[in-house]
């Protein structure tokens, strides 16, 4: 990875797809040879989702965060937690969208996202993210925010959030805080991002 989010920011907000997703997984030098199946999570997936996050990150913080967000009725949105299935039916990747706000206007936060190390560089993370974003669009959402790698998220349509006068509630280099607007013709809020309490910011 050529860009790294400052560690102090990562410890405050784990909204980026971390080491287990590898932002170079769809690099032009790495062929995507796996056909992934994506679907929304089910109750039967919860243990595996935790295992994926534990495998992808150096601590249990992200795995614990997913569970805290799932328990938060104001943050959790049914249909916006997506998994990528490996050919053997196990869960290879995960992407989560939860409710946040820009000032008082509703928005979505992308993350945590994770991919098992053995499935890196095969598009599992991208597949889960694309599926989650498509579901959000179909549910009528209009803006998604992510703190993440500046060389990875633009492929999904993300641009610096500052272009919409949106800022995080902490200091971070501009290029790492990004926004995706599905329909620019709709009103796009500006102001400070307010994350669910589980993020701790």
N, C-alpha and C. Protein backbone atom coordinates (compact mmCIF):
# COMPACT_ATOMS: atom_id res chain seq x y z
N UNK A 1 0.84 -1.18 0.00
CA UNK A 1 0.00 0.00 0.00
C UNK A 1 0.88 1.24 0.00
N UNK A 2 0.59 2.18 -0.87
CA UNK A 2 1.39 3.39 -0.90
C UNK A 2 0.88 4.43 0.08
N UNK A 3 -0.38 4.42 0.41
CA UNK A 3 -0.96 5.37 1.35
C UNK A 3 -1.40 4.64 2.60
N UNK A 4 -1.10 5.22 3.74
CA UNK A 4 -1.56 4.63 4.99
C UNK A 4 -2.20 5.71 5.82
N UNK A 5 -3.36 5.38 6.39
CA UNK A 5 -4.05 6.31 7.26
C UNK A 5 -3.26 6.42 8.54
N UNK A 6 -3.08 7.61 9.07
CA UNK A 6 -2.33 7.74 10.32
C UNK A 6 -2.89 6.81 11.39
N UNK A 7 -2.00 6.14 12.11
CA UNK A 7 -2.43 5.16 13.10
C UNK A 7 -3.34 5.76 14.16
N UNK A 8 -3.10 7.03 14.52
CA UNK A 8 -3.94 7.65 15.53
C UNK A 8 -5.37 7.75 15.07
N UNK A 9 -5.56 7.95 13.78
CA UNK A 9 -6.92 8.01 13.24
C UNK A 9 -7.54 6.63 13.20
N UNK A 10 -6.77 5.63 12.82
CA UNK A 10 -7.31 4.27 12.75
C UNK A 10 -7.79 3.81 14.11
N UNK A 11 -7.11 4.21 15.17
CA UNK A 11 -7.52 3.76 16.49
C UNK A 11 -8.80 4.44 16.93
N UNK A 12 -9.09 5.61 16.35
CA UNK A 12 -10.32 6.31 16.72
C UNK A 12 -11.52 5.82 15.90
N UNK A 13 -11.28 5.46 14.65
CA UNK A 13 -12.39 5.09 13.79
C UNK A 13 -11.98 4.02 12.82
N UNK A 14 -12.50 2.82 13.00
CA UNK A 14 -12.15 1.71 12.12
C UNK A 14 -13.19 1.58 11.02
N UNK A 15 -13.31 2.59 10.21
CA UNK A 15 -14.28 2.57 9.12
C UNK A 15 -13.65 2.19 7.80
N UNK A 16 -12.35 1.97 7.81
CA UNK A 16 -11.70 1.62 6.57
C UNK A 16 -11.60 0.11 6.45
N UNK A 17 -11.48 -0.34 5.20
CA UNK A 17 -11.26 -1.76 5.00
C UNK A 17 -9.81 -2.04 5.29
N UNK A 18 -9.56 -2.86 6.27
CA UNK A 18 -8.25 -2.97 6.86
C UNK A 18 -7.33 -3.96 6.20
N UNK A 19 -6.34 -4.42 6.93
CA UNK A 19 -5.29 -5.26 6.36
C UNK A 19 -5.83 -6.47 5.62
N UNK A 20 -6.96 -7.01 6.06
CA UNK A 20 -7.48 -8.22 5.43
C UNK A 20 -8.14 -7.99 4.10
N UNK A 21 -8.40 -6.74 3.73
CA UNK A 21 -9.02 -6.49 2.43
C UNK A 21 -7.99 -6.21 1.37
N UNK A 22 -6.86 -5.59 1.78
CA UNK A 22 -5.78 -5.26 0.87
C UNK A 22 -6.27 -4.40 -0.27
N UNK A 23 -6.10 -3.08 -0.19
CA UNK A 23 -6.55 -2.19 -1.24
C UNK A 23 -5.94 -2.45 -2.60
N UNK A 24 -4.96 -3.32 -2.72
CA UNK A 24 -4.40 -3.64 -4.03
C UNK A 24 -4.99 -4.92 -4.60
N UNK A 25 -6.08 -5.40 -4.01
CA UNK A 25 -6.60 -6.70 -4.43
C UNK A 25 -7.09 -6.73 -5.86
N UNK A 26 -7.45 -5.58 -6.43
CA UNK A 26 -7.87 -5.54 -7.82
C UNK A 26 -6.84 -4.84 -8.67
N UNK A 27 -5.58 -4.86 -8.24
CA UNK A 27 -4.48 -4.29 -8.99
C UNK A 27 -4.43 -4.95 -10.36
N UNK A 28 -4.03 -4.18 -11.36
CA UNK A 28 -4.01 -4.70 -12.73
C UNK A 28 -3.04 -5.87 -12.88
N UNK A 29 -2.09 -5.99 -11.97
CA UNK A 29 -1.14 -7.10 -12.06
C UNK A 29 -1.64 -8.36 -11.37
N UNK A 30 -2.83 -8.27 -10.77
CA UNK A 30 -3.36 -9.41 -10.03
C UNK A 30 -4.68 -9.85 -10.65
N UNK A 31 -4.71 -10.95 -11.40
CA UNK A 31 -5.95 -11.38 -12.04
C UNK A 31 -6.99 -11.81 -11.01
N UNK A 32 -8.25 -11.46 -11.28
CA UNK A 32 -9.34 -11.88 -10.42
C UNK A 32 -9.91 -13.17 -10.98
N UNK A 33 -9.64 -14.27 -10.32
CA UNK A 33 -10.00 -15.57 -10.86
C UNK A 33 -11.18 -16.22 -10.16
N UNK A 34 -11.67 -15.57 -9.10
CA UNK A 34 -12.75 -16.17 -8.33
C UNK A 34 -14.07 -15.49 -8.64
N UNK A 35 -15.11 -16.30 -8.83
CA UNK A 35 -16.47 -15.77 -8.98
C UNK A 35 -17.12 -15.77 -7.61
N UNK A 36 -17.40 -14.59 -7.10
CA UNK A 36 -17.92 -14.47 -5.74
C UNK A 36 -19.43 -14.41 -5.72
N UNK A 37 -20.00 -14.99 -4.69
CA UNK A 37 -21.43 -14.85 -4.41
C UNK A 37 -21.55 -13.88 -3.25
N UNK A 38 -22.36 -12.84 -3.42
CA UNK A 38 -22.59 -11.89 -2.34
C UNK A 38 -24.05 -11.97 -1.90
N UNK A 39 -24.27 -11.75 -0.60
CA UNK A 39 -25.62 -11.78 -0.06
C UNK A 39 -25.62 -11.05 1.28
N UNK A 40 -26.81 -10.74 1.77
CA UNK A 40 -26.91 -10.11 3.08
C UNK A 40 -26.62 -11.15 4.16
N UNK A 41 -26.16 -10.67 5.30
CA UNK A 41 -25.87 -11.58 6.40
C UNK A 41 -27.16 -12.20 6.95
N UNK A 42 -27.02 -13.37 7.53
CA UNK A 42 -28.11 -14.04 8.23
C UNK A 42 -27.64 -14.33 9.65
N UNK A 43 -28.55 -14.74 10.50
CA UNK A 43 -28.18 -15.06 11.87
C UNK A 43 -27.14 -16.18 11.93
N UNK A 44 -27.18 -17.05 10.95
CA UNK A 44 -26.23 -18.17 10.93
C UNK A 44 -24.82 -17.73 10.58
N UNK A 45 -24.67 -16.48 10.10
CA UNK A 45 -23.36 -16.00 9.67
C UNK A 45 -22.57 -15.30 10.77
N UNK A 46 -23.20 -14.98 11.89
CA UNK A 46 -22.59 -14.06 12.85
C UNK A 46 -21.24 -14.54 13.37
N UNK A 47 -21.13 -15.81 13.68
CA UNK A 47 -19.86 -16.33 14.19
C UNK A 47 -18.77 -16.23 13.13
N UNK A 48 -19.11 -16.56 11.88
CA UNK A 48 -18.12 -16.47 10.81
C UNK A 48 -17.72 -15.03 10.52
N UNK A 49 -18.68 -14.10 10.60
CA UNK A 49 -18.36 -12.69 10.39
C UNK A 49 -17.35 -12.22 11.43
N UNK A 50 -17.57 -12.64 12.66
CA UNK A 50 -16.59 -12.28 13.70
C UNK A 50 -15.22 -12.89 13.39
N UNK A 51 -15.21 -14.13 12.93
CA UNK A 51 -13.94 -14.78 12.60
C UNK A 51 -13.22 -14.05 11.46
N UNK A 52 -13.97 -13.59 10.47
CA UNK A 52 -13.37 -12.86 9.35
C UNK A 52 -12.71 -11.58 9.85
N UNK A 53 -13.40 -10.84 10.71
CA UNK A 53 -12.84 -9.60 11.23
C UNK A 53 -11.64 -9.86 12.14
N UNK A 54 -11.70 -10.93 12.93
CA UNK A 54 -10.55 -11.28 13.77
C UNK A 54 -9.35 -11.66 12.93
N UNK A 55 -9.58 -12.32 11.82
CA UNK A 55 -8.48 -12.72 10.94
C UNK A 55 -7.90 -11.53 10.18
N UNK A 56 -8.74 -10.55 9.88
CA UNK A 56 -8.31 -9.44 9.03
C UNK A 56 -7.59 -8.33 9.78
N UNK A 57 -7.83 -8.20 11.07
CA UNK A 57 -7.28 -7.10 11.84
C UNK A 57 -6.40 -7.63 12.98
N UNK A 58 -5.47 -6.82 13.45
CA UNK A 58 -4.53 -7.30 14.48
C UNK A 58 -5.13 -7.44 15.87
N UNK A 59 -6.28 -6.80 16.13
CA UNK A 59 -6.93 -6.93 17.43
C UNK A 59 -8.40 -7.25 17.22
N UNK A 60 -9.13 -7.41 18.31
CA UNK A 60 -10.56 -7.72 18.22
C UNK A 60 -11.42 -6.47 18.10
N UNK A 61 -10.80 -5.30 17.97
CA UNK A 61 -11.56 -4.05 17.99
C UNK A 61 -12.65 -4.02 16.92
N UNK A 62 -12.30 -4.36 15.68
CA UNK A 62 -13.28 -4.29 14.59
C UNK A 62 -14.37 -5.34 14.76
N UNK A 63 -14.01 -6.54 15.19
CA UNK A 63 -15.01 -7.59 15.43
C UNK A 63 -15.98 -7.15 16.52
N UNK A 64 -15.46 -6.54 17.57
CA UNK A 64 -16.31 -6.04 18.65
C UNK A 64 -17.18 -4.88 18.17
N UNK A 65 -16.60 -4.04 17.31
CA UNK A 65 -17.35 -2.90 16.78
C UNK A 65 -18.55 -3.36 15.96
N UNK A 66 -18.36 -4.37 15.12
CA UNK A 66 -19.48 -4.90 14.33
C UNK A 66 -20.61 -5.34 15.24
N UNK A 67 -20.27 -6.04 16.30
CA UNK A 67 -21.30 -6.54 17.21
C UNK A 67 -21.99 -5.41 17.96
N UNK A 68 -21.22 -4.37 18.33
CA UNK A 68 -21.82 -3.22 19.00
C UNK A 68 -22.76 -2.47 18.06
N UNK A 69 -22.38 -2.35 16.80
CA UNK A 69 -23.24 -1.68 15.83
C UNK A 69 -24.51 -2.50 15.57
N UNK A 70 -24.36 -3.81 15.52
CA UNK A 70 -25.52 -4.67 15.29
C UNK A 70 -26.53 -4.54 16.44
N UNK A 71 -26.05 -4.25 17.64
CA UNK A 71 -26.93 -4.11 18.80
C UNK A 71 -27.53 -2.71 18.93
N UNK A 72 -27.06 -1.78 18.11
CA UNK A 72 -27.52 -0.39 18.17
C UNK A 72 -28.66 -0.20 17.18
N UNK A 73 -29.87 -0.11 17.66
CA UNK A 73 -31.03 -0.04 16.78
C UNK A 73 -31.07 1.24 15.97
N UNK A 74 -30.41 2.29 16.44
CA UNK A 74 -30.38 3.54 15.67
C UNK A 74 -29.34 3.49 14.56
N UNK A 75 -28.33 2.65 14.72
CA UNK A 75 -27.26 2.58 13.72
C UNK A 75 -27.48 1.47 12.71
N UNK A 76 -28.03 0.34 13.16
CA UNK A 76 -28.14 -0.84 12.31
C UNK A 76 -29.29 -0.70 11.34
N UNK A 77 -29.03 -1.02 10.07
CA UNK A 77 -30.05 -0.96 9.02
C UNK A 77 -30.14 -2.34 8.37
N UNK A 78 -31.26 -3.03 8.51
CA UNK A 78 -31.39 -4.35 7.89
C UNK A 78 -31.10 -4.29 6.40
N UNK A 79 -30.38 -5.29 5.91
CA UNK A 79 -30.08 -5.37 4.49
C UNK A 79 -28.82 -4.67 4.06
N UNK A 80 -28.09 -4.07 5.00
CA UNK A 80 -26.86 -3.35 4.62
C UNK A 80 -25.60 -3.96 5.23
N UNK A 81 -25.69 -5.20 5.68
CA UNK A 81 -24.52 -5.96 6.10
C UNK A 81 -24.37 -7.10 5.10
N UNK A 82 -23.27 -7.08 4.34
CA UNK A 82 -23.10 -8.01 3.23
C UNK A 82 -21.88 -8.90 3.40
N UNK A 83 -22.00 -10.13 2.93
CA UNK A 83 -20.89 -11.07 2.97
C UNK A 83 -20.59 -11.57 1.56
N UNK A 84 -19.35 -11.99 1.40
CA UNK A 84 -18.90 -12.64 0.17
C UNK A 84 -18.66 -14.10 0.49
N UNK A 85 -19.28 -14.98 -0.26
CA UNK A 85 -19.10 -16.41 -0.05
C UNK A 85 -17.99 -16.96 -0.92
N UNK A 86 -17.13 -17.77 -0.33
CA UNK A 86 -16.12 -18.49 -1.10
C UNK A 86 -16.79 -19.67 -1.80
N UNK A 87 -16.12 -20.26 -2.77
CA UNK A 87 -16.71 -21.40 -3.49
C UNK A 87 -17.16 -22.54 -2.59
N UNK A 88 -16.53 -22.69 -1.42
CA UNK A 88 -16.92 -23.78 -0.52
C UNK A 88 -18.07 -23.39 0.42
N UNK A 89 -18.61 -22.17 0.24
CA UNK A 89 -19.72 -21.73 1.06
C UNK A 89 -19.34 -20.97 2.31
N UNK A 90 -18.06 -20.95 2.65
CA UNK A 90 -17.62 -20.19 3.81
C UNK A 90 -17.58 -18.70 3.48
N UNK A 91 -17.55 -17.87 4.51
CA UNK A 91 -17.54 -16.43 4.30
C UNK A 91 -16.10 -15.96 4.13
N UNK A 92 -15.85 -15.30 2.99
CA UNK A 92 -14.51 -14.82 2.68
C UNK A 92 -14.36 -13.33 2.97
N UNK A 93 -15.44 -12.57 2.77
CA UNK A 93 -15.37 -11.13 2.93
C UNK A 93 -16.62 -10.56 3.55
N UNK A 94 -16.51 -9.30 3.99
CA UNK A 94 -17.59 -8.66 4.73
C UNK A 94 -17.52 -7.16 4.52
N UNK A 95 -18.68 -6.53 4.38
CA UNK A 95 -18.76 -5.07 4.30
C UNK A 95 -20.04 -4.62 5.00
N UNK A 96 -19.91 -3.55 5.76
CA UNK A 96 -21.02 -3.08 6.58
C UNK A 96 -21.28 -1.60 6.36
N UNK A 97 -22.54 -1.25 6.22
CA UNK A 97 -22.99 0.14 6.19
C UNK A 97 -23.93 0.37 7.37
N UNK A 98 -23.70 1.43 8.12
CA UNK A 98 -24.57 1.76 9.24
C UNK A 98 -24.94 3.24 9.19
N UNK A 99 -25.95 3.58 9.96
CA UNK A 99 -26.45 4.96 9.96
C UNK A 99 -25.50 5.90 10.68
N UNK A 100 -25.17 6.97 10.02
CA UNK A 100 -24.49 8.09 10.66
C UNK A 100 -25.23 9.34 10.22
N UNK A 101 -24.73 10.49 10.58
CA UNK A 101 -25.38 11.75 10.21
C UNK A 101 -24.33 12.78 9.80
N UNK A 102 -24.71 13.67 8.94
CA UNK A 102 -23.93 14.87 8.66
C UNK A 102 -24.73 16.01 9.26
N UNK A 103 -24.21 16.55 10.36
CA UNK A 103 -25.03 17.39 11.23
C UNK A 103 -26.27 16.57 11.61
N UNK A 104 -27.46 16.98 11.21
CA UNK A 104 -28.66 16.22 11.56
C UNK A 104 -29.24 15.44 10.39
N UNK A 105 -28.55 15.45 9.25
CA UNK A 105 -29.06 14.77 8.06
C UNK A 105 -28.54 13.34 8.00
N UNK A 106 -29.39 12.37 7.66
CA UNK A 106 -28.95 10.97 7.62
C UNK A 106 -27.96 10.69 6.51
N UNK A 107 -27.00 9.86 6.82
CA UNK A 107 -26.01 9.38 5.86
C UNK A 107 -25.63 7.96 6.27
N UNK A 108 -24.70 7.37 5.54
CA UNK A 108 -24.23 6.02 5.88
C UNK A 108 -22.72 6.04 6.05
N UNK A 109 -22.24 5.21 6.98
CA UNK A 109 -20.81 5.01 7.17
C UNK A 109 -20.44 3.62 6.69
N UNK A 110 -19.43 3.53 5.87
CA UNK A 110 -18.94 2.25 5.38
C UNK A 110 -17.83 1.74 6.30
N UNK A 111 -18.02 0.55 6.85
CA UNK A 111 -16.99 -0.06 7.68
C UNK A 111 -17.55 -0.52 9.02
N UNK A 112 -16.89 -1.49 9.63
CA UNK A 112 -15.71 -2.18 9.14
C UNK A 112 -15.98 -3.06 7.91
N UNK A 113 -14.91 -3.28 7.16
CA UNK A 113 -14.90 -4.24 6.06
C UNK A 113 -13.73 -5.18 6.31
N UNK A 114 -13.82 -6.39 5.85
CA UNK A 114 -12.74 -7.33 6.12
C UNK A 114 -12.76 -8.48 5.11
N UNK A 115 -11.59 -9.06 4.89
CA UNK A 115 -11.44 -10.24 4.04
C UNK A 115 -10.46 -11.18 4.72
N UNK A 116 -10.78 -12.45 4.73
CA UNK A 116 -9.84 -13.44 5.27
C UNK A 116 -8.52 -13.36 4.49
N UNK A 117 -7.40 -13.45 5.18
CA UNK A 117 -6.11 -13.32 4.49
C UNK A 117 -5.93 -14.27 3.30
N UNK A 118 -6.45 -15.48 3.41
CA UNK A 118 -6.25 -16.44 2.32
C UNK A 118 -7.05 -16.08 1.06
N UNK A 119 -7.97 -15.12 1.18
CA UNK A 119 -8.77 -14.72 0.02
C UNK A 119 -8.41 -13.32 -0.48
N UNK A 120 -7.31 -12.77 0.00
CA UNK A 120 -6.88 -11.45 -0.47
C UNK A 120 -6.50 -11.50 -1.94
N UNK A 121 -6.57 -10.30 -2.56
CA UNK A 121 -6.15 -10.11 -3.95
C UNK A 121 -7.00 -10.90 -4.95
N UNK A 122 -8.24 -11.18 -4.56
CA UNK A 122 -9.13 -11.90 -5.48
C UNK A 122 -10.45 -11.18 -5.68
N UNK A 123 -10.60 -9.99 -5.12
CA UNK A 123 -11.81 -9.22 -5.34
C UNK A 123 -12.92 -9.46 -4.34
N UNK A 124 -12.64 -10.22 -3.27
CA UNK A 124 -13.70 -10.52 -2.31
C UNK A 124 -14.17 -9.27 -1.58
N UNK A 125 -13.23 -8.40 -1.23
CA UNK A 125 -13.61 -7.17 -0.55
C UNK A 125 -14.40 -6.25 -1.46
N UNK A 126 -13.94 -6.08 -2.68
CA UNK A 126 -14.65 -5.23 -3.63
C UNK A 126 -16.06 -5.74 -3.90
N UNK A 127 -16.21 -7.06 -4.00
CA UNK A 127 -17.53 -7.63 -4.27
C UNK A 127 -18.51 -7.30 -3.14
N UNK A 128 -18.05 -7.44 -1.90
CA UNK A 128 -18.93 -7.13 -0.77
C UNK A 128 -19.27 -5.65 -0.72
N UNK A 129 -18.30 -4.80 -0.98
CA UNK A 129 -18.55 -3.35 -0.96
C UNK A 129 -19.51 -2.95 -2.06
N UNK A 130 -19.29 -3.44 -3.27
CA UNK A 130 -20.21 -3.13 -4.37
C UNK A 130 -21.64 -3.56 -4.03
N UNK A 131 -21.79 -4.75 -3.46
CA UNK A 131 -23.12 -5.25 -3.12
C UNK A 131 -23.79 -4.38 -2.07
N UNK A 132 -23.02 -3.99 -1.05
CA UNK A 132 -23.58 -3.15 0.00
C UNK A 132 -23.99 -1.79 -0.54
N UNK A 133 -23.16 -1.21 -1.39
CA UNK A 133 -23.48 0.10 -1.98
C UNK A 133 -24.71 0.00 -2.88
N UNK A 134 -24.80 -1.05 -3.67
CA UNK A 134 -25.98 -1.23 -4.53
C UNK A 134 -27.24 -1.36 -3.69
N UNK A 135 -27.16 -2.08 -2.58
CA UNK A 135 -28.32 -2.24 -1.70
C UNK A 135 -28.72 -0.90 -1.08
N UNK A 136 -27.74 -0.11 -0.69
CA UNK A 136 -28.03 1.20 -0.11
C UNK A 136 -28.73 2.10 -1.13
N UNK A 137 -28.24 2.06 -2.34
CA UNK A 137 -28.86 2.86 -3.40
C UNK A 137 -30.31 2.43 -3.61
N UNK A 138 -30.54 1.14 -3.63
CA UNK A 138 -31.90 0.63 -3.85
C UNK A 138 -32.83 0.96 -2.68
N UNK A 139 -32.26 1.15 -1.48
CA UNK A 139 -33.07 1.51 -0.32
C UNK A 139 -33.34 3.01 -0.25
N UNK A 140 -32.83 3.76 -1.21
CA UNK A 140 -33.10 5.19 -1.25
C UNK A 140 -32.10 6.06 -0.54
N UNK A 141 -30.99 5.47 -0.07
CA UNK A 141 -29.95 6.28 0.55
C UNK A 141 -29.24 7.09 -0.53
N UNK A 142 -28.57 8.18 -0.12
CA UNK A 142 -27.94 9.01 -1.13
C UNK A 142 -26.48 9.32 -0.86
N UNK A 143 -26.01 9.17 0.37
CA UNK A 143 -24.62 9.51 0.63
C UNK A 143 -23.98 8.50 1.58
N UNK A 144 -22.78 8.07 1.21
CA UNK A 144 -21.99 7.12 2.01
C UNK A 144 -20.65 7.76 2.30
N UNK A 145 -20.19 7.61 3.54
CA UNK A 145 -18.92 8.18 3.96
C UNK A 145 -17.96 7.07 4.36
N UNK A 146 -16.69 7.27 4.06
CA UNK A 146 -15.70 6.27 4.44
C UNK A 146 -14.38 6.95 4.78
N UNK A 147 -13.74 6.46 5.81
CA UNK A 147 -12.37 6.83 6.14
C UNK A 147 -11.51 5.70 5.62
N UNK A 148 -10.70 5.94 4.60
CA UNK A 148 -10.00 4.82 4.02
C UNK A 148 -8.89 5.20 3.08
N UNK A 149 -8.36 4.20 2.41
CA UNK A 149 -7.21 4.36 1.54
C UNK A 149 -7.56 5.17 0.29
N UNK A 150 -6.80 6.22 0.05
CA UNK A 150 -7.10 7.14 -1.04
C UNK A 150 -6.90 6.52 -2.42
N UNK A 151 -6.15 5.43 -2.51
CA UNK A 151 -5.96 4.77 -3.79
C UNK A 151 -6.95 3.63 -4.04
N UNK A 152 -7.78 3.34 -3.05
CA UNK A 152 -8.70 2.21 -3.16
C UNK A 152 -10.14 2.64 -3.41
N UNK A 153 -10.66 3.53 -2.61
CA UNK A 153 -12.09 3.83 -2.66
C UNK A 153 -12.57 4.63 -3.87
N UNK A 154 -11.73 5.41 -4.53
CA UNK A 154 -12.22 6.09 -5.75
C UNK A 154 -12.76 5.14 -6.80
N UNK A 155 -12.33 3.89 -6.81
CA UNK A 155 -12.85 2.93 -7.81
C UNK A 155 -14.33 2.66 -7.62
N UNK A 156 -14.86 2.95 -6.42
CA UNK A 156 -16.29 2.78 -6.16
C UNK A 156 -17.07 4.10 -6.38
N UNK A 157 -16.34 5.17 -6.70
CA UNK A 157 -16.98 6.46 -6.91
C UNK A 157 -16.78 7.46 -5.78
N UNK A 158 -16.00 7.08 -4.76
CA UNK A 158 -15.75 7.99 -3.64
C UNK A 158 -14.80 9.11 -4.05
N UNK A 159 -15.06 10.30 -3.52
CA UNK A 159 -14.21 11.47 -3.72
C UNK A 159 -14.02 12.14 -2.36
N UNK A 160 -13.05 13.03 -2.20
CA UNK A 160 -12.87 13.68 -0.90
C UNK A 160 -14.15 14.33 -0.39
N UNK A 161 -14.50 14.04 0.85
CA UNK A 161 -15.73 14.57 1.44
C UNK A 161 -15.71 16.09 1.52
N UNK A 162 -14.51 16.64 1.56
CA UNK A 162 -14.40 18.10 1.64
C UNK A 162 -15.01 18.78 0.43
N UNK A 163 -15.10 18.05 -0.68
CA UNK A 163 -15.74 18.60 -1.88
C UNK A 163 -17.21 18.88 -1.68
N UNK A 164 -17.81 18.27 -0.65
CA UNK A 164 -19.20 18.51 -0.29
C UNK A 164 -19.30 19.30 1.02
N UNK A 165 -18.18 19.86 1.44
CA UNK A 165 -18.12 20.60 2.72
C UNK A 165 -18.52 19.69 3.89
N UNK A 166 -18.10 18.43 3.80
CA UNK A 166 -18.32 17.46 4.88
C UNK A 166 -16.98 17.19 5.55
N UNK A 167 -16.97 17.19 6.87
CA UNK A 167 -15.72 16.99 7.60
C UNK A 167 -15.95 15.99 8.74
N UNK A 168 -14.92 15.25 9.11
CA UNK A 168 -15.03 14.32 10.23
C UNK A 168 -14.85 15.07 11.55
N UNK A 169 -15.22 14.45 12.66
CA UNK A 169 -15.08 15.10 13.97
C UNK A 169 -13.70 14.91 14.58
N UNK A 170 -12.69 14.71 13.73
CA UNK A 170 -11.31 14.53 14.18
C UNK A 170 -10.41 15.00 13.04
N UNK A 171 -9.16 15.19 13.34
CA UNK A 171 -8.21 15.64 12.33
C UNK A 171 -7.69 14.45 11.52
N UNK A 172 -7.76 14.59 10.21
CA UNK A 172 -7.23 13.57 9.32
C UNK A 172 -6.92 14.25 7.99
N UNK A 173 -5.92 13.74 7.29
CA UNK A 173 -5.58 14.30 6.00
C UNK A 173 -6.79 14.19 5.06
N UNK A 174 -7.01 15.26 4.31
CA UNK A 174 -8.21 15.42 3.50
C UNK A 174 -8.51 14.21 2.60
N UNK A 175 -7.48 13.64 2.00
CA UNK A 175 -7.71 12.60 1.00
C UNK A 175 -8.26 11.31 1.59
N UNK A 176 -8.13 11.12 2.89
CA UNK A 176 -8.58 9.87 3.50
C UNK A 176 -10.06 9.86 3.87
N UNK A 177 -10.67 11.03 4.00
CA UNK A 177 -12.10 11.10 4.35
C UNK A 177 -12.88 11.34 3.07
N UNK A 178 -13.65 10.34 2.67
CA UNK A 178 -14.30 10.36 1.36
C UNK A 178 -15.81 10.20 1.44
N UNK A 179 -16.47 10.64 0.38
CA UNK A 179 -17.92 10.56 0.28
C UNK A 179 -18.31 10.03 -1.09
N UNK A 180 -19.40 9.30 -1.12
CA UNK A 180 -20.01 8.83 -2.37
C UNK A 180 -21.45 9.30 -2.38
N UNK A 181 -21.80 10.08 -3.40
CA UNK A 181 -23.17 10.58 -3.56
C UNK A 181 -23.79 9.84 -4.74
N UNK A 182 -24.90 9.16 -4.51
CA UNK A 182 -25.54 8.38 -5.57
C UNK A 182 -26.24 9.28 -6.58
N UNK A 183 -26.93 10.32 -6.11
CA UNK A 183 -27.70 11.20 -6.99
C UNK A 183 -27.41 12.66 -6.65
N UNK A 184 -26.48 13.27 -7.39
CA UNK A 184 -26.12 14.66 -7.09
C UNK A 184 -27.28 15.65 -7.25
N UNK A 185 -28.34 15.21 -7.95
CA UNK A 185 -29.49 16.09 -8.11
C UNK A 185 -30.28 16.24 -6.82
N UNK A 186 -30.11 15.29 -5.91
CA UNK A 186 -30.76 15.39 -4.60
C UNK A 186 -29.92 16.25 -3.67
N UNK A 187 -30.55 16.77 -2.65
CA UNK A 187 -29.85 17.61 -1.69
C UNK A 187 -28.75 16.81 -0.98
N UNK A 188 -27.57 17.38 -0.91
CA UNK A 188 -26.44 16.73 -0.23
C UNK A 188 -26.08 17.57 0.99
N UNK A 189 -26.14 17.00 2.19
CA UNK A 189 -25.88 17.80 3.38
C UNK A 189 -24.40 18.16 3.50
N UNK A 190 -24.13 19.21 4.24
CA UNK A 190 -22.78 19.60 4.55
C UNK A 190 -22.67 19.79 6.06
N UNK A 191 -21.46 19.68 6.58
CA UNK A 191 -21.26 19.84 8.01
C UNK A 191 -20.37 18.77 8.57
N UNK A 192 -20.51 18.49 9.86
CA UNK A 192 -19.66 17.54 10.56
C UNK A 192 -20.34 16.18 10.68
N UNK A 193 -19.57 15.13 10.44
CA UNK A 193 -20.08 13.76 10.53
C UNK A 193 -20.32 13.41 11.99
N UNK A 194 -21.47 12.81 12.25
CA UNK A 194 -21.78 12.31 13.60
C UNK A 194 -21.93 10.80 13.49
N UNK A 195 -20.97 10.08 14.06
CA UNK A 195 -20.95 8.63 13.98
C UNK A 195 -21.76 7.98 15.09
N UNK A 196 -22.17 6.72 14.92
CA UNK A 196 -22.80 5.98 16.02
C UNK A 196 -21.86 5.93 17.23
N UNK A 197 -22.44 5.82 18.40
CA UNK A 197 -21.65 5.86 19.63
C UNK A 197 -20.58 4.77 19.67
N UNK A 198 -20.86 3.63 19.02
CA UNK A 198 -19.91 2.51 19.07
C UNK A 198 -18.55 2.86 18.50
N UNK A 199 -18.49 3.83 17.60
CA UNK A 199 -17.21 4.22 17.00
C UNK A 199 -16.32 4.96 18.00
N UNK A 200 -16.93 5.53 19.01
CA UNK A 200 -16.13 6.18 20.05
C UNK A 200 -15.55 7.52 19.66
N UNK A 201 -16.17 8.23 18.72
CA UNK A 201 -15.69 9.55 18.33
C UNK A 201 -16.81 10.58 18.45
